[in-house]
Amino acid sequence: MKRITSVSRSWLAQRLQMGATSSLGSLLHRYRASGALERPEIRAVLSRFPA
C-alpha cells in the first residue's frame, strides 16, 4: 500500500490500526509474501487507486 500512496507510514499504521509504525514494514512484507495481493477481491479494491 505504501507503494501506491503518498501518506506517511505513521498515518497509514494508525489509520489501519496496525500498531507501531516500526512494525508496518514487516507487516506489509508478510502480507505481500502471502500472495494476498493476487486475490481477486484485493485486486478489485486496489484497481480503484492510480498506480
N, C-alpha and C. Protein backbone atom coordinates (compact mmCIF):
# COMPACT_ATOMS: atom_id res chain seq x y z
N MET A 1 0.82 -1.19 0.00
CA MET A 1 0.00 0.00 0.00
C MET A 1 0.86 1.25 0.00
N LYS A 2 1.92 1.18 0.72
CA LYS A 2 2.80 2.35 0.79
C LYS A 2 3.35 2.68 -0.59
N ARG A 3 3.48 1.68 -1.46
CA ARG A 3 3.99 1.94 -2.81
C ARG A 3 3.01 2.75 -3.65
N ILE A 4 1.73 2.73 -3.30
CA ILE A 4 0.75 3.41 -4.14
C ILE A 4 0.10 4.60 -3.45
N THR A 5 0.68 5.08 -2.38
CA THR A 5 0.12 6.23 -1.69
C THR A 5 1.22 7.19 -1.25
N SER A 6 0.84 8.41 -1.02
CA SER A 6 1.82 9.42 -0.61
C SER A 6 1.71 9.75 0.88
N VAL A 7 0.86 9.03 1.61
CA VAL A 7 0.71 9.31 3.04
C VAL A 7 1.91 8.74 3.80
N SER A 8 2.13 9.25 5.00
CA SER A 8 3.25 8.78 5.80
C SER A 8 2.95 7.40 6.38
N ARG A 9 4.03 6.71 6.72
CA ARG A 9 3.86 5.39 7.34
C ARG A 9 3.12 5.48 8.66
N SER A 10 3.38 6.53 9.43
CA SER A 10 2.71 6.66 10.73
C SER A 10 1.21 6.86 10.54
N TRP A 11 0.81 7.66 9.55
CA TRP A 11 -0.61 7.87 9.29
C TRP A 11 -1.25 6.55 8.85
N LEU A 12 -0.58 5.84 7.96
CA LEU A 12 -1.10 4.58 7.44
C LEU A 12 -1.25 3.55 8.57
N ALA A 13 -0.25 3.42 9.41
CA ALA A 13 -0.29 2.46 10.51
C ALA A 13 -1.42 2.80 11.49
N GLN A 14 -1.57 4.08 11.78
CA GLN A 14 -2.61 4.49 12.71
C GLN A 14 -3.99 4.28 12.10
N ARG A 15 -4.16 4.69 10.87
CA ARG A 15 -5.47 4.59 10.21
C ARG A 15 -5.93 3.15 10.05
N LEU A 16 -4.97 2.25 9.74
CA LEU A 16 -5.31 0.85 9.55
C LEU A 16 -5.20 0.04 10.84
N GLN A 17 -4.92 0.74 11.95
CA GLN A 17 -4.80 0.11 13.27
C GLN A 17 -3.84 -1.07 13.23
N MET A 18 -2.63 -0.80 12.70
CA MET A 18 -1.62 -1.84 12.53
C MET A 18 -0.56 -1.81 13.61
N GLY A 19 -0.74 -1.01 14.62
CA GLY A 19 0.24 -0.96 15.70
C GLY A 19 1.33 0.05 15.43
N ALA A 20 2.50 -0.20 16.00
CA ALA A 20 3.63 0.73 15.90
C ALA A 20 4.08 0.90 14.45
N THR A 21 4.50 2.11 14.14
CA THR A 21 4.98 2.42 12.80
C THR A 21 6.14 1.53 12.40
N SER A 22 6.99 1.21 13.36
CA SER A 22 8.16 0.38 13.05
C SER A 22 7.78 -1.02 12.60
N SER A 23 6.61 -1.49 12.96
CA SER A 23 6.19 -2.84 12.54
C SER A 23 5.46 -2.84 11.21
N LEU A 24 5.15 -1.68 10.69
CA LEU A 24 4.37 -1.59 9.45
C LEU A 24 5.09 -2.25 8.28
N GLY A 25 6.38 -2.01 8.14
CA GLY A 25 7.14 -2.58 7.03
C GLY A 25 7.11 -4.10 7.03
N SER A 26 7.32 -4.70 8.19
CA SER A 26 7.31 -6.17 8.25
C SER A 26 5.91 -6.73 8.03
N LEU A 27 4.89 -6.04 8.52
CA LEU A 27 3.52 -6.49 8.28
C LEU A 27 3.17 -6.45 6.80
N LEU A 28 3.55 -5.37 6.13
CA LEU A 28 3.28 -5.27 4.70
C LEU A 28 4.06 -6.30 3.91
N HIS A 29 5.30 -6.55 4.30
CA HIS A 29 6.11 -7.56 3.63
C HIS A 29 5.46 -8.93 3.74
N ARG A 30 5.04 -9.29 4.95
CA ARG A 30 4.38 -10.59 5.15
C ARG A 30 3.09 -10.68 4.35
N TYR A 31 2.35 -9.58 4.28
CA TYR A 31 1.10 -9.56 3.52
C TYR A 31 1.37 -9.81 2.04
N ARG A 32 2.35 -9.09 1.50
CA ARG A 32 2.70 -9.29 0.08
C ARG A 32 3.23 -10.69 -0.17
N ALA A 33 4.07 -11.21 0.72
CA ALA A 33 4.66 -12.54 0.57
C ALA A 33 3.61 -13.64 0.64
N SER A 34 2.50 -13.38 1.30
CA SER A 34 1.45 -14.39 1.42
C SER A 34 0.67 -14.58 0.13
N GLY A 35 0.87 -13.68 -0.83
CA GLY A 35 0.15 -13.76 -2.10
C GLY A 35 -1.21 -13.10 -2.06
N ALA A 36 -1.51 -12.42 -0.98
CA ALA A 36 -2.82 -11.79 -0.82
C ALA A 36 -3.13 -10.77 -1.91
N LEU A 37 -2.10 -10.14 -2.44
CA LEU A 37 -2.34 -9.12 -3.47
C LEU A 37 -2.86 -9.72 -4.77
N GLU A 38 -2.78 -11.02 -4.91
CA GLU A 38 -3.28 -11.68 -6.11
C GLU A 38 -4.74 -12.11 -5.99
N ARG A 39 -5.30 -11.97 -4.80
CA ARG A 39 -6.71 -12.33 -4.61
C ARG A 39 -7.59 -11.36 -5.39
N PRO A 40 -8.60 -11.88 -6.10
CA PRO A 40 -9.45 -11.02 -6.93
C PRO A 40 -10.09 -9.85 -6.18
N GLU A 41 -10.54 -10.09 -4.95
CA GLU A 41 -11.21 -9.01 -4.20
C GLU A 41 -10.22 -7.91 -3.81
N ILE A 42 -8.98 -8.28 -3.53
CA ILE A 42 -7.96 -7.28 -3.19
C ILE A 42 -7.57 -6.51 -4.45
N ARG A 43 -7.40 -7.22 -5.56
CA ARG A 43 -7.06 -6.55 -6.82
C ARG A 43 -8.15 -5.57 -7.23
N ALA A 44 -9.41 -5.93 -6.98
CA ALA A 44 -10.53 -5.05 -7.33
C ALA A 44 -10.46 -3.76 -6.53
N VAL A 45 -10.16 -3.86 -5.24
CA VAL A 45 -10.05 -2.66 -4.40
C VAL A 45 -8.88 -1.80 -4.85
N LEU A 46 -7.71 -2.42 -5.04
CA LEU A 46 -6.52 -1.68 -5.43
C LEU A 46 -6.62 -1.05 -6.81
N SER A 47 -7.44 -1.63 -7.68
CA SER A 47 -7.59 -1.08 -9.03
C SER A 47 -8.29 0.27 -9.03
N ARG A 48 -8.91 0.62 -7.93
CA ARG A 48 -9.59 1.91 -7.83
C ARG A 48 -8.63 3.08 -7.59
N PHE A 49 -7.38 2.74 -7.26
CA PHE A 49 -6.39 3.76 -6.95
C PHE A 49 -5.35 3.83 -8.07
N PRO A 50 -4.97 5.03 -8.47
CA PRO A 50 -3.95 5.15 -9.53
C PRO A 50 -2.60 4.61 -9.05
N ALA A 51 -1.90 3.98 -9.94
CA ALA A 51 -0.58 3.40 -9.59
C ALA A 51 0.49 4.45 -9.55
